[in-house]
Amino acid sequence: MPSFRTGPVVRLLEERTGLQRVEVDLGDGPERAYVLTQLTGRVDAGDRVVVNTTAVELGLGTGGWHVVHWNLARGDWQERGPGHIIKGRYTSLQADVGSTEEHLAALAEAESIDGMPVVAAALHSQVPAVVVAIRAARPAARIAYVMSDGAGLPLALSDLVAALRDRDLLDATVTYGHAFGGDYEAVSVFSALVVARHVAEADVAVVAMGPGIVGTNTRLGFSGLEVGPILDATTALGGVPIACLRVSFADPRPRHLGVSHHSLTALRLATRSRVVVPVPCVGGAAEARIRADLAEAGIADRHDLVDVAPPDALGLLAAADLSVVSMGRPAADDPVLFQAAAAAGSVAAARLPPPGARP
């Protein structure tokens, strides 16, 4: 059950579109909290707020941040949304964010993304490596990030997406399901991909959940299983489905060492179409383990493995002044995770038509 506490805002730490980070005093001195302004409006220093403390009390992956639930300094607050589609439905914070589909007649019969490459990743932290690899190979390509609702729902919460936008590495964002806050809202993964292609005019899309993948240490109880349906949706819409492998040689958990069971299970069980699986040619024992894991799980038989000499993922991230952490580890501590993502980005770039030859 949720836990709520009340206290004043001590000071503002940071603010950007859709998000404030603040300090609140809940009786034990200043504690960190964030405000999703699209849902509750802004707060100011001195405002008394109701704070959801559940995740921090449970030690979950919010990084030690509470969530402001309501600002008691105001009696009423209203901000009319652009349409009738509600996200966070039937909760006390349901919001009429609308959807791109309901406003554009041109999308009414759309069923194709015209061969657009789509990279599906299970980890939000891999998105920057995919993006910088695409940008390095095809600087003029329009890149859209499509965020699912498999983990964190507010796009405003993603520091990585904010950094990519600040550096002009992403051209558009789309949020679907109950994820919200993108440049474009969509109802399903199918419509999100169509919006990315035909409204955002993307040449390539990267699809991944927001920060905070959910897992239960069971075969099927993890949100990264959505990679399969994302790849299948891409196939159904006439796109190029590209799976970004989750690979680690720093994760102490056996189920994630080498190719994570998240990737193996999603590709073996949850992906019904035949898709492209870039294999990062990192050499040595690491590459041998990757190939052995894919072969043992039958991935090499069910999908199209493509050997890729990955670009210098860490160098590209550094050149873009992007500081990326995954599972609490800096990118430099788990480089193969990001080389696998960069390999997927390189394959996506290679599948783009020549400049000026958009289908």
Protein backbone atom coordinates (compact mmCIF):
# COMPACT_ATOMS: atom_id res chain seq x y z
CA MET A 1 0.00 0.00 0.00
CA PRO A 2 1.25 3.54 -0.65
CA SER A 3 2.80 5.75 2.00
CA PHE A 4 2.22 9.51 2.12
CA ARG A 5 3.80 12.20 4.28
CA THR A 6 3.40 15.96 4.39
CA GLY A 7 5.89 18.79 4.73
CA PRO A 8 7.12 22.08 3.26
CA VAL A 9 9.28 22.53 0.18
CA VAL A 10 12.65 23.74 1.44
CA ARG A 11 14.20 24.71 -1.88
CA LEU A 12 14.12 24.11 -5.62
CA LEU A 13 17.05 22.10 -6.97
CA GLU A 14 16.32 21.92 -10.69
CA GLU A 15 13.55 22.63 -13.17
CA ARG A 16 12.84 21.72 -16.79
CA THR A 17 9.74 21.13 -18.86
CA GLY A 18 7.49 18.72 -17.00
CA LEU A 19 9.76 18.26 -13.98
CA GLN A 20 10.95 19.95 -10.83
CA ARG A 21 13.42 18.49 -8.37
CA VAL A 22 13.09 19.86 -4.85
CA GLU A 23 14.00 19.31 -1.23
CA VAL A 24 11.18 18.76 1.26
CA ASP A 25 11.25 18.58 5.04
CA LEU A 26 9.17 15.65 6.21
CA GLY A 27 10.29 15.99 9.83
CA ASP A 28 13.77 14.51 9.63
CA GLY A 29 15.54 17.25 7.68
CA PRO A 30 15.67 17.89 3.92
CA GLU A 31 14.85 14.96 1.63
CA ARG A 32 14.77 14.83 -2.15
CA ALA A 33 11.55 14.71 -4.15
CA TYR A 34 10.47 15.38 -7.70
CA VAL A 35 7.38 17.08 -9.05
CA LEU A 36 5.68 16.03 -12.28
CA THR A 37 4.26 19.41 -13.15
CA GLN A 38 2.06 18.02 -15.93
CA LEU A 39 0.10 16.17 -13.23
CA THR A 40 0.20 18.49 -10.20
CA GLY A 41 1.39 21.89 -11.36
CA ARG A 42 4.50 23.66 -10.05
CA VAL A 43 5.55 24.11 -6.46
CA ASP A 44 7.53 26.91 -4.85
CA ALA A 45 9.74 27.08 -1.78
CA GLY A 46 7.53 27.27 1.30
CA ASP A 47 4.60 25.36 -0.26
CA ARG A 48 3.32 22.53 1.91
CA VAL A 49 3.06 19.34 -0.15
CA VAL A 50 1.83 15.77 0.15
CA VAL A 51 4.64 13.38 -0.80
CA ASN A 52 4.46 9.72 -1.82
CA THR A 53 7.35 8.06 0.02
CA THR A 54 6.58 4.43 -0.90
CA ALA A 55 9.44 3.67 -3.30
CA VAL A 56 12.16 5.13 -1.10
CA GLU A 57 10.83 3.27 1.94
CA LEU A 58 10.94 0.03 -0.06
CA GLY A 59 14.44 0.74 -1.34
CA LEU A 60 13.36 0.65 -4.98
CA GLY A 61 15.15 2.18 -7.93
CA THR A 62 14.00 5.78 -7.73
CA GLY A 63 17.47 6.90 -6.70
CA GLY A 64 16.25 8.07 -3.31
CA TRP A 65 13.61 10.47 -4.61
CA HIS A 66 10.11 10.84 -3.21
CA VAL A 67 7.25 11.97 -5.48
CA VAL A 68 5.15 15.06 -4.79
CA HIS A 69 1.51 13.98 -4.93
CA TRP A 70 -0.25 17.30 -4.31
CA ASN A 71 0.48 20.92 -3.43
CA LEU A 72 -1.55 21.97 -0.39
CA ALA A 73 -0.74 25.63 -1.05
CA ARG A 74 -3.53 25.70 -3.63
CA GLY A 75 -7.13 24.64 -3.36
CA ASP A 76 -7.69 23.98 -7.04
CA TRP A 77 -5.56 23.46 -10.13
CA GLN A 78 -6.59 22.86 -13.72
CA GLU A 79 -4.75 22.55 -16.99
CA ARG A 80 -6.89 21.41 -19.88
CA GLY A 81 -5.32 18.74 -22.07
CA PRO A 82 -5.43 18.59 -25.87
CA GLY A 83 -7.84 15.69 -26.27
CA HIS A 84 -10.00 13.04 -24.67
CA ILE A 85 -7.45 10.23 -24.31
CA ILE A 86 -6.55 9.81 -20.64
CA LYS A 87 -3.38 8.20 -19.28
CA GLY A 88 -2.99 6.96 -15.73
CA ARG A 89 -6.65 6.01 -16.10
CA TYR A 90 -8.78 5.47 -13.01
CA THR A 91 -6.07 6.76 -10.67
CA SER A 92 -6.24 10.00 -8.73
CA LEU A 93 -3.70 11.52 -11.12
CA GLN A 94 -5.33 10.55 -14.43
CA ALA A 95 -4.57 13.22 -17.02
CA ASP A 96 -6.19 14.11 -20.33
CA VAL A 97 -2.99 14.16 -22.38
CA GLY A 98 -4.81 13.42 -25.62
CA SER A 99 -3.26 11.47 -28.46
CA THR A 100 -1.83 12.35 -31.82
CA GLU A 101 -4.06 9.81 -33.57
CA GLU A 102 -7.32 11.48 -32.57
CA HIS A 103 -6.38 14.76 -34.27
CA LEU A 104 -4.99 13.65 -37.62
CA ALA A 105 -7.30 12.20 -40.25
CA ALA A 106 -4.26 11.19 -42.28
CA LEU A 107 -3.48 8.52 -39.69
CA ALA A 108 -6.95 6.97 -39.76
CA GLU A 109 -6.02 4.18 -42.19
CA ALA A 110 -2.22 4.14 -41.78
CA GLU A 111 -0.79 0.62 -41.51
CA SER A 112 2.78 1.02 -42.70
CA ILE A 113 6.02 2.66 -41.57
CA ASP A 114 7.56 2.32 -45.03
CA GLY A 115 10.56 0.18 -44.15
CA MET A 116 11.69 2.35 -41.23
CA PRO A 117 14.37 0.63 -39.10
CA VAL A 118 13.25 0.23 -35.49
CA VAL A 119 15.67 -0.67 -32.69
CA ALA A 120 13.97 -2.27 -29.68
CA ALA A 121 15.92 -2.21 -26.41
CA ALA A 122 15.01 -3.43 -22.93
CA LEU A 123 17.12 -0.95 -20.98
CA HIS A 124 16.60 2.80 -21.01
CA SER A 125 20.33 3.29 -20.40
CA GLN A 126 21.13 1.73 -23.78
CA VAL A 127 19.17 4.36 -25.72
CA PRO A 128 22.00 6.95 -25.84
CA ALA A 129 24.48 4.43 -27.27
CA VAL A 130 22.01 3.43 -29.99
CA VAL A 131 21.37 7.08 -30.82
CA VAL A 132 25.01 8.23 -30.97
CA ALA A 133 25.91 5.27 -33.19
CA ILE A 134 23.12 6.15 -35.63
CA ARG A 135 24.11 9.81 -35.56
CA ALA A 136 27.79 8.98 -36.16
CA ALA A 137 26.95 6.93 -39.25
CA ARG A 138 24.12 9.09 -40.60
CA PRO A 139 24.40 12.63 -39.21
CA ALA A 140 21.35 13.95 -41.06
CA ALA A 141 18.96 11.13 -40.14
CA ARG A 142 15.86 12.08 -38.15
CA ILE A 143 15.80 9.95 -35.00
CA ALA A 144 12.74 9.42 -32.83
CA TYR A 145 12.73 7.92 -29.36
CA VAL A 146 9.54 5.99 -28.65
CA MET A 147 8.97 5.36 -24.94
CA SER A 148 6.81 2.48 -23.75
CA ASP A 149 5.09 2.14 -20.40
CA GLY A 150 7.14 -0.86 -19.27
CA ALA A 151 8.87 1.10 -16.51
CA GLY A 152 8.90 4.80 -15.55
CA LEU A 153 5.93 6.57 -17.15
CA PRO A 154 6.86 10.30 -17.25
CA LEU A 155 9.27 11.09 -20.07
CA ALA A 156 10.19 14.29 -18.21
CA LEU A 157 11.92 12.13 -15.60
CA SER A 158 14.57 10.91 -18.07
CA ASP A 159 17.81 12.85 -17.69
CA LEU A 160 19.19 10.88 -20.63
CA VAL A 161 16.45 11.98 -23.02
CA ALA A 162 16.79 15.57 -21.80
CA ALA A 163 20.53 15.42 -22.49
CA LEU A 164 20.01 13.90 -25.94
CA ARG A 165 17.53 16.64 -26.82
CA ASP A 166 19.84 19.37 -25.48
CA ARG A 167 22.61 18.08 -27.75
CA ASP A 168 20.34 17.82 -30.83
CA LEU A 169 20.87 14.06 -30.98
CA LEU A 170 17.14 13.28 -30.88
CA ASP A 171 14.63 14.89 -33.20
CA ALA A 172 11.36 13.75 -31.62
CA THR A 173 9.88 11.75 -28.78
CA VAL A 174 6.69 9.66 -28.70
CA THR A 175 5.10 8.17 -25.58
CA TYR A 176 2.54 5.37 -25.76
CA GLY A 177 0.46 3.24 -23.46
CA HIS A 178 0.41 5.02 -20.11
CA ALA A 179 3.81 6.63 -20.66
CA PHE A 180 3.31 10.34 -21.18
CA GLY A 181 5.06 13.61 -21.87
CA GLY A 182 6.52 13.01 -25.32
CA ASP A 183 6.34 15.50 -28.16
CA TYR A 184 3.59 13.20 -29.41
CA GLU A 185 1.25 10.98 -27.39
CA ALA A 186 0.03 7.65 -28.77
CA VAL A 187 -2.23 4.85 -27.60
CA SER A 188 -0.36 1.73 -28.73
CA VAL A 189 3.05 0.68 -29.99
CA PHE A 190 1.54 0.35 -33.48
CA SER A 191 0.20 3.88 -33.56
CA ALA A 192 3.35 5.22 -31.87
CA LEU A 193 5.51 3.85 -34.69
CA VAL A 194 3.14 5.28 -37.30
CA VAL A 195 3.25 8.66 -35.54
CA ALA A 196 7.06 8.53 -35.40
CA ARG A 197 7.24 7.84 -39.12
CA HIS A 198 4.45 9.92 -40.62
CA VAL A 199 4.03 12.79 -38.15
CA ALA A 200 7.49 13.20 -36.62
CA GLU A 201 8.95 12.23 -40.04
CA ALA A 202 11.54 9.98 -38.43
CA ASP A 203 13.95 7.98 -40.54
CA VAL A 204 14.66 5.60 -37.67
CA ALA A 205 13.09 4.92 -34.28
CA VAL A 206 14.53 3.65 -31.02
CA VAL A 207 11.92 2.03 -28.77
CA ALA A 208 12.58 1.39 -25.08
CA MET A 209 10.83 1.79 -21.77
CA GLY A 210 11.56 4.68 -19.46
CA PRO A 211 13.99 4.47 -16.54
CA GLY A 212 13.52 1.62 -14.10
CA ILE A 213 12.98 -1.80 -15.71
CA VAL A 214 10.83 -4.08 -13.57
CA GLY A 215 12.00 -7.62 -12.78
CA THR A 216 11.08 -10.41 -10.38
CA ASN A 217 13.85 -13.00 -10.84
CA THR A 218 11.38 -15.24 -12.68
CA ARG A 219 11.36 -16.45 -16.26
CA LEU A 220 8.49 -14.24 -17.41
CA GLY A 221 7.98 -11.60 -14.71
CA PHE A 222 9.96 -8.73 -16.20
CA SER A 223 8.92 -5.73 -18.23
CA GLY A 224 11.67 -6.19 -20.82
CA LEU A 225 9.59 -9.00 -22.31
CA GLU A 226 7.83 -6.21 -24.24
CA VAL A 227 10.76 -6.19 -26.67
CA GLY A 228 9.12 -9.13 -28.44
CA PRO A 229 5.78 -7.42 -29.17
CA ILE A 230 7.62 -4.23 -30.19
CA LEU A 231 9.64 -6.17 -32.76
CA ASP A 232 6.52 -7.99 -33.97
CA ALA A 233 4.66 -4.69 -34.35
CA THR A 234 7.55 -3.36 -36.42
CA THR A 235 7.36 -6.39 -38.69
CA ALA A 236 3.59 -6.09 -39.06
CA LEU A 237 3.93 -2.45 -40.09
CA GLY A 238 6.54 -3.17 -42.74
CA GLY A 239 9.53 -1.86 -40.79
CA VAL A 240 12.94 -3.37 -40.15
CA PRO A 241 12.93 -4.95 -36.65
CA ILE A 242 16.32 -4.78 -34.91
CA ALA A 243 16.86 -6.28 -31.45
CA CYS A 244 19.32 -4.57 -29.13
CA LEU A 245 20.91 -7.25 -26.96
CA ARG A 246 21.27 -6.76 -23.24
CA VAL A 247 24.81 -8.03 -22.58
CA SER A 248 26.91 -7.62 -19.46
CA PHE A 249 30.17 -8.88 -18.06
CA ALA A 250 29.96 -6.70 -14.95
CA ASP A 251 26.57 -7.71 -13.59
CA PRO A 252 27.06 -10.04 -10.60
CA ARG A 253 23.71 -11.78 -11.19
CA PRO A 254 24.17 -15.02 -13.17
CA ARG A 255 20.92 -14.51 -15.11
CA HIS A 256 22.32 -11.29 -16.62
CA LEU A 257 25.91 -12.41 -17.21
CA GLY A 258 26.74 -12.70 -20.89
CA VAL A 259 23.55 -12.26 -22.89
CA SER A 260 20.87 -11.53 -20.29
CA HIS A 261 18.02 -13.97 -19.96
CA HIS A 262 15.84 -10.89 -20.58
CA SER A 263 17.07 -10.73 -24.18
CA LEU A 264 17.15 -14.51 -24.65
CA THR A 265 13.63 -15.02 -23.32
CA ALA A 266 12.17 -12.10 -25.26
CA LEU A 267 13.72 -13.30 -28.52
CA ARG A 268 13.04 -17.00 -27.95
CA LEU A 269 9.53 -16.86 -26.54
CA ALA A 270 7.95 -13.43 -27.04
CA THR A 271 9.09 -12.59 -30.58
CA ARG A 272 7.08 -14.47 -33.16
CA SER A 273 8.50 -12.82 -36.30
CA ARG A 274 12.02 -13.22 -37.63
CA VAL A 275 14.12 -10.18 -36.68
CA VAL A 276 17.63 -8.81 -37.04
CA VAL A 277 19.92 -9.45 -34.04
CA PRO A 278 23.20 -7.49 -34.19
CA VAL A 279 26.06 -9.39 -32.54
CA PRO A 280 28.84 -7.09 -31.30
CA CYS A 281 32.20 -8.44 -32.41
CA VAL A 282 34.09 -7.56 -29.24
CA GLY A 283 36.55 -10.44 -29.53
CA GLY A 284 37.97 -12.87 -27.00
CA ALA A 285 36.09 -14.72 -24.32
CA ALA A 286 33.33 -12.11 -24.20
CA GLU A 287 32.35 -12.59 -27.84
CA ALA A 288 32.62 -16.37 -27.48
CA ARG A 289 30.21 -16.22 -24.53
CA ILE A 290 27.75 -14.04 -26.47
CA ARG A 291 27.70 -16.46 -29.39
CA ALA A 292 27.39 -19.49 -27.14
CA ASP A 293 24.46 -17.94 -25.25
CA LEU A 294 22.63 -17.11 -28.49
CA ALA A 295 23.24 -20.58 -29.91
CA GLU A 296 22.18 -22.39 -26.73
CA ALA A 297 18.91 -20.44 -26.60
CA GLY A 298 18.19 -21.19 -30.26
CA ILE A 299 18.32 -17.51 -31.24
CA ALA A 300 20.65 -18.24 -34.15
CA ASP A 301 18.02 -20.56 -35.65
CA ARG A 302 14.98 -18.34 -35.12
CA HIS A 303 16.43 -14.95 -36.08
CA ASP A 304 18.97 -13.33 -38.40
CA LEU A 305 22.23 -12.77 -36.56
CA VAL A 306 24.38 -9.99 -38.04
CA ASP A 307 28.03 -9.62 -37.02
CA VAL A 308 28.91 -6.01 -36.28
CA ALA A 309 32.21 -4.38 -35.47
CA PRO A 310 30.69 -1.89 -33.04
CA PRO A 311 31.78 1.73 -33.10
CA ASP A 312 33.58 3.10 -30.07
CA ALA A 313 30.47 3.46 -27.93
CA LEU A 314 32.26 4.93 -24.93
CA GLY A 315 34.13 7.38 -27.14
CA LEU A 316 30.95 8.49 -28.88
CA LEU A 317 29.19 8.99 -25.54
CA ALA A 318 32.14 10.97 -24.21
CA ALA A 319 32.33 13.09 -27.37
CA ALA A 320 28.67 14.00 -26.85
CA ASP A 321 29.35 14.77 -23.18
CA LEU A 322 26.88 12.09 -22.12
CA SER A 323 27.34 10.49 -18.72
CA VAL A 324 25.46 7.18 -18.69
CA VAL A 325 24.94 4.84 -15.77
CA SER A 326 23.25 1.45 -15.93
CA MET A 327 22.31 -0.59 -12.86
CA GLY A 328 24.39 1.82 -10.81
CA ARG A 329 27.51 1.25 -12.92
CA PRO A 330 29.13 3.88 -15.17
CA ALA A 331 29.35 2.92 -18.82
CA ALA A 332 33.11 2.40 -18.54
CA ASP A 333 32.52 -0.37 -15.99
CA ASP A 334 30.30 -2.37 -18.34
CA PRO A 335 31.40 -1.43 -21.86
CA VAL A 336 29.96 -4.42 -23.72
CA LEU A 337 26.43 -3.39 -22.70
CA PHE A 338 26.91 -0.18 -24.66
CA GLN A 339 28.86 -1.79 -27.49
CA ALA A 340 25.86 -4.06 -28.06
CA ALA A 341 23.60 -1.01 -28.18
CA ALA A 342 25.94 0.82 -30.56
CA ALA A 343 26.02 -2.27 -32.77
CA ALA A 344 22.23 -2.12 -33.03
CA GLY A 345 22.44 1.57 -33.92
CA SER A 346 25.01 0.86 -36.61
CA VAL A 347 22.79 -1.78 -38.19
CA ALA A 348 19.83 0.61 -38.13
CA ALA A 349 21.90 3.29 -39.86
CA ALA A 350 23.05 0.80 -42.49
CA ARG A 351 19.42 -0.10 -43.27
CA LEU A 352 18.48 3.50 -44.02
CA PRO A 353 18.08 4.45 -47.68
CA PRO A 354 20.70 6.79 -49.15
CA PRO A 355 20.31 10.45 -48.19
CA GLY A 356 17.49 12.06 -50.15
CA ALA A 357 15.99 8.71 -51.11
CA ARG A 358 13.26 8.41 -48.48
CA PRO A 359 10.67 5.89 -49.68
